[in-house]
């Protein structure tokens, strides 16, 4: 079993270790940026980058809780999901209009 499938990604989601690691690293980068970088511009850039990394870890945890798979190999799977949300009457009406306004 390779490193990525064991510790980073599993079934289209980040593992718990990877999500917690991203949050810790992100907040660590933000802390280092605020404490040790000299210019306000560098502090703002470091803080933004750190919080973005932490957000990826946090949102991946929420995606796993909602059983979403944000990291898949199928780039067009959203089309199947969109079709599954339509009711039978809405799908029939959409086909009868053929994209033309009534």
N, C-alpha and C. Protein backbone atom coordinates (compact mmCIF):
# COMPACT_ATOMS: atom_id res chain seq x y z
N UNK A 1 0.85 -1.17 0.00
CA UNK A 1 0.00 0.00 0.00
C UNK A 1 0.90 1.24 0.00
N UNK A 2 0.64 2.16 -0.89
CA UNK A 2 1.52 3.32 -0.97
C UNK A 2 1.13 4.39 0.05
N UNK A 3 2.01 5.37 0.18
CA UNK A 3 1.86 6.41 1.21
C UNK A 3 0.60 7.24 1.03
N UNK A 4 0.32 7.64 -0.22
CA UNK A 4 -0.82 8.54 -0.46
C UNK A 4 -2.14 7.86 -0.13
N UNK A 5 -2.33 6.63 -0.58
CA UNK A 5 -3.61 5.97 -0.31
C UNK A 5 -3.75 5.57 1.16
N UNK A 6 -2.64 5.48 1.86
CA UNK A 6 -2.73 5.08 3.26
C UNK A 6 -2.92 6.27 4.19
N UNK A 7 -2.22 7.38 3.93
CA UNK A 7 -2.24 8.49 4.88
C UNK A 7 -2.88 9.77 4.36
N UNK A 8 -3.03 9.94 3.05
CA UNK A 8 -3.49 11.22 2.54
C UNK A 8 -4.91 11.14 1.99
N UNK A 9 -5.15 10.28 1.01
CA UNK A 9 -6.47 10.20 0.39
C UNK A 9 -7.00 8.79 0.43
N UNK A 10 -8.30 8.70 0.70
CA UNK A 10 -8.96 7.40 0.68
C UNK A 10 -10.39 7.59 0.21
N UNK A 11 -10.77 6.90 -0.85
CA UNK A 11 -12.12 6.92 -1.42
C UNK A 11 -12.59 8.34 -1.77
N UNK A 12 -11.72 9.14 -2.35
CA UNK A 12 -12.09 10.47 -2.80
C UNK A 12 -12.10 11.55 -1.73
N UNK A 13 -11.72 11.23 -0.51
CA UNK A 13 -11.66 12.21 0.58
C UNK A 13 -10.28 12.20 1.21
N UNK A 14 -9.94 13.29 1.86
CA UNK A 14 -8.72 13.32 2.65
C UNK A 14 -8.92 12.50 3.91
N UNK A 15 -7.87 11.82 4.34
CA UNK A 15 -7.97 11.06 5.58
C UNK A 15 -7.97 12.02 6.76
N UNK A 16 -8.30 11.51 7.93
CA UNK A 16 -8.33 12.33 9.14
C UNK A 16 -6.94 12.88 9.44
N UNK A 17 -5.92 12.06 9.24
CA UNK A 17 -4.54 12.51 9.48
C UNK A 17 -4.19 13.68 8.56
N UNK A 18 -4.56 13.59 7.29
CA UNK A 18 -4.25 14.66 6.34
C UNK A 18 -5.03 15.93 6.66
N UNK A 19 -6.29 15.79 7.02
CA UNK A 19 -7.11 16.97 7.33
C UNK A 19 -6.59 17.69 8.57
N UNK A 20 -6.29 16.94 9.61
CA UNK A 20 -5.74 17.55 10.83
C UNK A 20 -4.37 18.14 10.54
N UNK A 21 -3.58 17.45 9.74
CA UNK A 21 -2.26 17.97 9.37
C UNK A 21 -2.34 19.29 8.61
N UNK A 22 -3.28 19.39 7.68
CA UNK A 22 -3.45 20.65 6.94
C UNK A 22 -3.89 21.79 7.86
N UNK A 23 -4.78 21.51 8.78
CA UNK A 23 -5.23 22.55 9.71
C UNK A 23 -4.06 23.03 10.58
N UNK A 24 -3.29 22.10 11.11
CA UNK A 24 -2.16 22.46 11.98
C UNK A 24 -1.10 23.23 11.18
N UNK A 25 -0.76 22.73 9.99
CA UNK A 25 0.24 23.43 9.16
C UNK A 25 -0.25 24.81 8.76
N UNK A 26 -1.51 24.93 8.40
CA UNK A 26 -2.07 26.22 8.01
C UNK A 26 -2.02 27.24 9.13
N UNK A 27 -2.45 26.84 10.33
CA UNK A 27 -2.38 27.76 11.46
C UNK A 27 -0.94 28.05 11.86
N UNK A 28 -0.06 27.07 11.68
CA UNK A 28 1.36 27.30 11.96
C UNK A 28 1.96 28.34 11.02
N UNK A 29 1.62 28.25 9.74
CA UNK A 29 2.11 29.24 8.77
C UNK A 29 1.56 30.62 9.12
N UNK A 30 0.30 30.70 9.48
CA UNK A 30 -0.28 32.00 9.85
C UNK A 30 0.40 32.57 11.09
N UNK A 31 0.67 31.74 12.08
CA UNK A 31 1.34 32.20 13.30
C UNK A 31 2.75 32.69 13.01
N UNK A 32 3.50 31.92 12.24
CA UNK A 32 4.87 32.32 11.90
C UNK A 32 4.86 33.62 11.09
N UNK A 33 3.90 33.76 10.20
CA UNK A 33 3.82 34.98 9.40
C UNK A 33 3.58 36.20 10.28
N UNK A 34 2.69 36.08 11.24
CA UNK A 34 2.38 37.22 12.10
C UNK A 34 3.54 37.54 13.04
N UNK A 35 4.16 36.53 13.60
CA UNK A 35 5.20 36.75 14.60
C UNK A 35 6.55 37.14 14.03
N UNK A 36 6.94 36.58 12.87
CA UNK A 36 8.32 36.70 12.46
C UNK A 36 8.57 37.44 11.14
N UNK A 37 7.57 37.66 10.33
CA UNK A 37 7.81 38.37 9.08
C UNK A 37 7.83 39.88 9.33
N UNK A 38 8.75 40.59 8.66
CA UNK A 38 8.94 42.01 8.99
C UNK A 38 7.90 42.97 8.41
N UNK A 39 7.51 42.80 7.16
CA UNK A 39 6.64 43.81 6.55
C UNK A 39 5.17 43.41 6.69
N UNK A 40 4.29 44.40 6.77
CA UNK A 40 2.85 44.11 6.86
C UNK A 40 2.31 43.37 5.63
N UNK A 41 2.89 43.65 4.46
CA UNK A 41 2.44 42.96 3.25
C UNK A 41 2.77 41.47 3.32
N UNK A 42 3.98 41.14 3.76
CA UNK A 42 4.36 39.73 3.91
C UNK A 42 3.53 39.05 4.99
N UNK A 43 3.23 39.78 6.05
CA UNK A 43 2.38 39.22 7.11
C UNK A 43 0.98 38.88 6.57
N UNK A 44 0.44 39.78 5.76
CA UNK A 44 -0.90 39.55 5.20
C UNK A 44 -0.88 38.38 4.22
N UNK A 45 0.16 38.30 3.40
CA UNK A 45 0.25 37.18 2.45
C UNK A 45 0.43 35.84 3.18
N UNK A 46 1.29 35.83 4.18
CA UNK A 46 1.50 34.60 4.96
C UNK A 46 0.26 34.18 5.71
N UNK A 47 -0.41 35.14 6.29
CA UNK A 47 -1.65 34.84 7.01
C UNK A 47 -2.72 34.30 6.07
N UNK A 48 -2.85 34.91 4.90
CA UNK A 48 -3.84 34.45 3.92
C UNK A 48 -3.52 33.04 3.46
N UNK A 49 -2.26 32.78 3.17
CA UNK A 49 -1.88 31.45 2.71
C UNK A 49 -2.12 30.40 3.81
N UNK A 50 -1.76 30.72 5.03
CA UNK A 50 -1.96 29.80 6.14
C UNK A 50 -3.42 29.50 6.39
N UNK A 51 -4.25 30.52 6.37
CA UNK A 51 -5.68 30.30 6.60
C UNK A 51 -6.34 29.54 5.45
N UNK A 52 -5.85 29.75 4.22
CA UNK A 52 -6.39 28.99 3.08
C UNK A 52 -6.05 27.51 3.22
N UNK A 53 -4.84 27.21 3.64
CA UNK A 53 -4.45 25.80 3.83
C UNK A 53 -5.27 25.18 4.96
N UNK A 54 -5.46 25.91 6.05
CA UNK A 54 -6.27 25.39 7.15
C UNK A 54 -7.72 25.19 6.72
N UNK A 55 -8.23 26.08 5.86
CA UNK A 55 -9.61 25.95 5.38
C UNK A 55 -9.79 24.70 4.53
N UNK A 56 -8.79 24.36 3.73
CA UNK A 56 -8.88 23.14 2.92
C UNK A 56 -9.02 21.93 3.84
N UNK A 57 -8.23 21.89 4.90
CA UNK A 57 -8.34 20.79 5.85
C UNK A 57 -9.69 20.75 6.54
N UNK A 58 -10.19 21.92 6.94
CA UNK A 58 -11.49 21.97 7.61
C UNK A 58 -12.64 21.60 6.70
N UNK A 59 -12.62 22.11 5.47
CA UNK A 59 -13.70 21.79 4.54
C UNK A 59 -13.68 20.33 4.10
N UNK A 60 -12.49 19.74 4.05
CA UNK A 60 -12.44 18.32 3.69
C UNK A 60 -13.06 17.47 4.79
N UNK A 61 -12.93 17.90 6.03
CA UNK A 61 -13.60 17.19 7.12
C UNK A 61 -15.10 17.29 7.02
N UNK A 62 -15.60 18.46 6.66
CA UNK A 62 -17.05 18.62 6.48
C UNK A 62 -17.55 17.81 5.29
N UNK A 63 -16.77 17.77 4.23
CA UNK A 63 -17.17 16.99 3.06
C UNK A 63 -17.27 15.52 3.41
N UNK A 64 -16.36 15.04 4.22
CA UNK A 64 -16.41 13.64 4.62
C UNK A 64 -17.63 13.37 5.50
N UNK A 65 -17.96 14.32 6.37
CA UNK A 65 -19.13 14.16 7.23
C UNK A 65 -20.42 14.12 6.42
N UNK A 66 -20.46 14.86 5.32
CA UNK A 66 -21.64 14.89 4.46
C UNK A 66 -21.60 13.83 3.36
N UNK A 67 -20.58 12.99 3.38
CA UNK A 67 -20.38 11.91 2.41
C UNK A 67 -20.24 12.45 0.98
N UNK A 68 -19.54 13.58 0.84
CA UNK A 68 -19.20 14.12 -0.47
C UNK A 68 -17.79 13.66 -0.83
N UNK A 69 -17.51 13.55 -2.10
CA UNK A 69 -16.20 13.12 -2.55
C UNK A 69 -15.61 14.20 -3.45
N UNK A 70 -14.92 15.19 -2.86
CA UNK A 70 -14.41 16.30 -3.65
C UNK A 70 -13.22 15.94 -4.54
N UNK A 71 -12.50 14.89 -4.22
CA UNK A 71 -11.31 14.52 -4.98
C UNK A 71 -11.57 13.19 -5.69
N UNK A 72 -12.17 13.25 -6.88
CA UNK A 72 -12.44 12.04 -7.64
C UNK A 72 -11.71 12.09 -8.97
N UNK A 73 -11.67 10.95 -9.64
CA UNK A 73 -11.04 10.87 -10.95
C UNK A 73 -12.02 11.14 -12.09
N UNK A 74 -13.30 11.29 -11.77
CA UNK A 74 -14.32 11.50 -12.78
C UNK A 74 -14.69 12.98 -12.83
N UNK A 75 -14.19 13.74 -13.80
CA UNK A 75 -14.46 15.18 -13.81
C UNK A 75 -15.90 15.54 -14.18
N UNK A 76 -16.66 14.62 -14.75
CA UNK A 76 -18.02 14.93 -15.18
C UNK A 76 -19.08 14.27 -14.31
N UNK A 77 -18.72 13.84 -13.10
CA UNK A 77 -19.69 13.16 -12.25
C UNK A 77 -20.78 14.11 -11.75
N UNK A 78 -20.55 15.41 -11.84
CA UNK A 78 -21.57 16.36 -11.41
C UNK A 78 -22.81 16.27 -12.28
N UNK A 79 -22.67 15.83 -13.54
CA UNK A 79 -23.84 15.70 -14.41
C UNK A 79 -24.79 14.63 -13.91
N UNK A 80 -24.24 13.50 -13.45
CA UNK A 80 -25.10 12.45 -12.91
C UNK A 80 -25.79 12.92 -11.64
N UNK A 81 -25.08 13.68 -10.81
CA UNK A 81 -25.70 14.20 -9.59
C UNK A 81 -26.81 15.19 -9.93
N UNK A 82 -26.58 16.03 -10.93
CA UNK A 82 -27.59 17.01 -11.32
C UNK A 82 -28.85 16.31 -11.82
N UNK A 83 -28.68 15.24 -12.60
CA UNK A 83 -29.84 14.50 -13.09
C UNK A 83 -30.61 13.84 -11.95
N UNK A 84 -29.90 13.40 -10.93
CA UNK A 84 -30.57 12.71 -9.83
C UNK A 84 -31.42 13.67 -8.99
N UNK A 85 -31.16 14.98 -9.04
CA UNK A 85 -31.94 15.94 -8.26
C UNK A 85 -33.21 16.37 -8.97
N UNK A 86 -33.30 16.15 -10.27
CA UNK A 86 -34.49 16.57 -11.00
C UNK A 86 -35.62 15.59 -10.78
N UNK A 87 -36.84 16.13 -10.64
CA UNK A 87 -38.00 15.25 -10.54
C UNK A 87 -38.38 14.79 -11.95
N UNK A 88 -39.23 13.80 -12.04
CA UNK A 88 -39.63 13.28 -13.35
C UNK A 88 -40.35 14.33 -14.19
N UNK A 89 -41.21 15.12 -13.58
CA UNK A 89 -41.95 16.14 -14.33
C UNK A 89 -41.03 17.26 -14.79
N UNK A 90 -40.07 17.65 -13.96
CA UNK A 90 -39.13 18.71 -14.36
C UNK A 90 -38.23 18.22 -15.48
N UNK A 91 -37.82 16.96 -15.43
CA UNK A 91 -36.97 16.42 -16.49
C UNK A 91 -37.75 16.33 -17.80
N UNK A 92 -39.05 15.94 -17.73
CA UNK A 92 -39.87 15.85 -18.93
C UNK A 92 -40.12 17.25 -19.51
N UNK A 93 -40.38 18.21 -18.65
CA UNK A 93 -40.62 19.58 -19.12
C UNK A 93 -39.35 20.15 -19.75
N UNK A 94 -38.21 19.85 -19.18
CA UNK A 94 -36.94 20.35 -19.72
C UNK A 94 -36.68 19.77 -21.11
N UNK A 95 -37.03 18.50 -21.31
CA UNK A 95 -36.83 17.88 -22.62
C UNK A 95 -37.81 18.43 -23.66
N UNK A 96 -39.03 18.75 -23.23
CA UNK A 96 -40.04 19.22 -24.20
C UNK A 96 -39.74 20.64 -24.68
N UNK A 97 -39.09 21.45 -23.83
CA UNK A 97 -38.75 22.81 -24.23
C UNK A 97 -37.55 22.86 -25.16
N UNK A 98 -36.67 21.89 -25.10
CA UNK A 98 -35.45 21.82 -25.89
C UNK A 98 -34.61 23.07 -25.77
N UNK A 99 -34.58 23.66 -24.58
CA UNK A 99 -33.75 24.84 -24.33
C UNK A 99 -34.35 26.14 -24.79
N UNK A 100 -35.59 26.14 -25.31
CA UNK A 100 -36.23 27.37 -25.78
C UNK A 100 -37.09 27.93 -24.66
N UNK A 101 -37.14 29.24 -24.59
CA UNK A 101 -37.98 29.89 -23.59
C UNK A 101 -39.45 29.77 -24.00
N UNK A 102 -40.36 29.60 -23.03
CA UNK A 102 -41.79 29.44 -23.37
C UNK A 102 -42.41 30.72 -23.89
